[in-house]
């Protein structure tokens, strides 16, 4: 269900289950994952991630929109799934 927000205004069916009532009738279990459920592993992750970020083997992706005047477009882009990774609004367009 991660990313379900991108389908809020969908004009056609999203891929995946289309009959959640049937899933309930078959007692399907759906379990989410929250980062906050794993805070005990955070120190271990930091130890591994710092070195990988420094040597470039761990990279993040983001979509950058330039200018505060495009912040609303950026927000709507998040809802429509137009971004890769984090959606950022850059206030300094001279980057």
Protein backbone atom coordinates (compact mmCIF):
# COMPACT_ATOMS: atom_id res chain seq x y z
CA UNK A 1 0.00 0.00 0.00
CA UNK A 2 3.08 2.25 0.04
CA UNK A 3 2.49 4.94 -2.56
CA UNK A 4 -1.30 4.61 -2.51
CA UNK A 5 -1.61 8.40 -2.28
CA UNK A 6 -0.56 8.64 -5.93
CA UNK A 7 -3.84 6.99 -6.93
CA UNK A 8 -6.19 9.36 -5.10
CA UNK A 9 -7.27 11.16 -8.26
CA UNK A 10 -6.77 8.29 -10.70
CA UNK A 11 -8.95 8.29 -13.80
CA UNK A 12 -8.42 4.57 -14.45
CA UNK A 13 -7.92 1.57 -12.17
CA UNK A 14 -4.56 1.25 -10.47
CA UNK A 15 -2.60 -1.97 -10.83
CA UNK A 16 -3.09 -4.41 -7.99
CA UNK A 17 -6.06 -5.84 -6.13
CA UNK A 18 -9.40 -4.47 -7.26
CA UNK A 19 -11.64 -6.40 -4.91
CA UNK A 20 -10.62 -5.85 -1.31
CA UNK A 21 -13.91 -7.36 -0.11
CA UNK A 22 -12.79 -10.68 -1.59
CA UNK A 23 -9.47 -10.35 0.21
CA UNK A 24 -11.33 -9.82 3.49
CA UNK A 25 -13.57 -12.83 2.81
CA UNK A 26 -10.44 -14.96 2.41
CA UNK A 27 -8.94 -13.46 5.57
CA UNK A 28 -5.94 -12.05 3.73
CA UNK A 29 -3.44 -10.32 5.99
CA UNK A 30 -1.98 -7.01 4.86
CA UNK A 31 0.80 -5.59 6.97
CA UNK A 32 2.42 -2.22 6.55
CA UNK A 33 5.95 -1.25 7.47
CA UNK A 34 6.76 1.83 9.51
CA UNK A 35 10.29 3.07 10.00
CA UNK A 36 9.36 3.99 13.56
CA UNK A 37 8.84 0.29 14.32
CA UNK A 38 12.54 -0.30 13.74
CA UNK A 39 14.25 2.59 15.55
CA UNK A 40 16.28 0.04 17.51
CA UNK A 41 18.17 -0.73 14.25
CA UNK A 42 18.95 2.93 13.52
CA UNK A 43 22.49 2.96 15.00
CA UNK A 44 23.41 -0.11 12.93
CA UNK A 45 22.01 1.52 9.79
CA UNK A 46 23.95 4.74 10.37
CA UNK A 47 27.15 2.74 10.76
CA UNK A 48 26.59 1.08 7.38
CA UNK A 49 25.06 3.99 5.49
CA UNK A 50 27.65 6.67 6.28
CA UNK A 51 30.46 4.79 4.54
CA UNK A 52 28.30 3.90 1.55
CA UNK A 53 27.09 7.48 1.13
CA UNK A 54 30.68 8.69 1.30
CA UNK A 55 31.97 6.24 -1.33
CA UNK A 56 28.96 6.72 -3.62
CA UNK A 57 27.62 3.16 -3.49
CA UNK A 58 24.45 4.39 -1.76
CA UNK A 59 22.65 7.10 -3.67
CA UNK A 60 19.31 8.75 -3.24
CA UNK A 61 17.04 9.99 -5.99
CA UNK A 62 14.86 13.03 -5.87
CA UNK A 63 12.77 15.21 -8.12
CA UNK A 64 13.60 18.90 -7.84
CA UNK A 65 11.20 21.69 -8.81
CA UNK A 66 12.71 25.17 -9.05
CA UNK A 67 11.01 28.16 -7.41
CA UNK A 68 8.54 28.61 -4.58
CA UNK A 69 5.93 29.62 -7.14
CA UNK A 70 5.92 25.99 -8.35
CA UNK A 71 5.42 24.49 -4.86
CA UNK A 72 1.73 23.77 -5.52
CA UNK A 73 2.66 21.98 -8.76
CA UNK A 74 5.24 19.95 -6.83
CA UNK A 75 2.64 18.93 -4.25
CA UNK A 76 0.18 17.91 -6.96
CA UNK A 77 3.02 16.00 -8.61
CA UNK A 78 3.48 13.95 -5.44
CA UNK A 79 -0.22 13.07 -5.49
CA UNK A 80 -0.06 12.01 -9.13
CA UNK A 81 3.17 10.02 -8.81
CA UNK A 82 5.20 12.43 -10.95
CA UNK A 83 8.25 12.32 -8.68
CA UNK A 84 11.12 9.89 -8.22
CA UNK A 85 12.19 9.65 -4.59
CA UNK A 86 11.68 12.80 -2.58
CA UNK A 87 9.97 15.82 -4.14
CA UNK A 88 11.99 18.94 -3.34
CA UNK A 89 11.21 22.58 -4.02
CA UNK A 90 14.40 24.57 -4.52
CA UNK A 91 14.04 28.17 -3.42
CA UNK A 92 17.36 29.24 -4.97
CA UNK A 93 16.86 28.88 -8.72
CA UNK A 94 20.53 29.76 -9.32
CA UNK A 95 21.79 26.35 -8.19
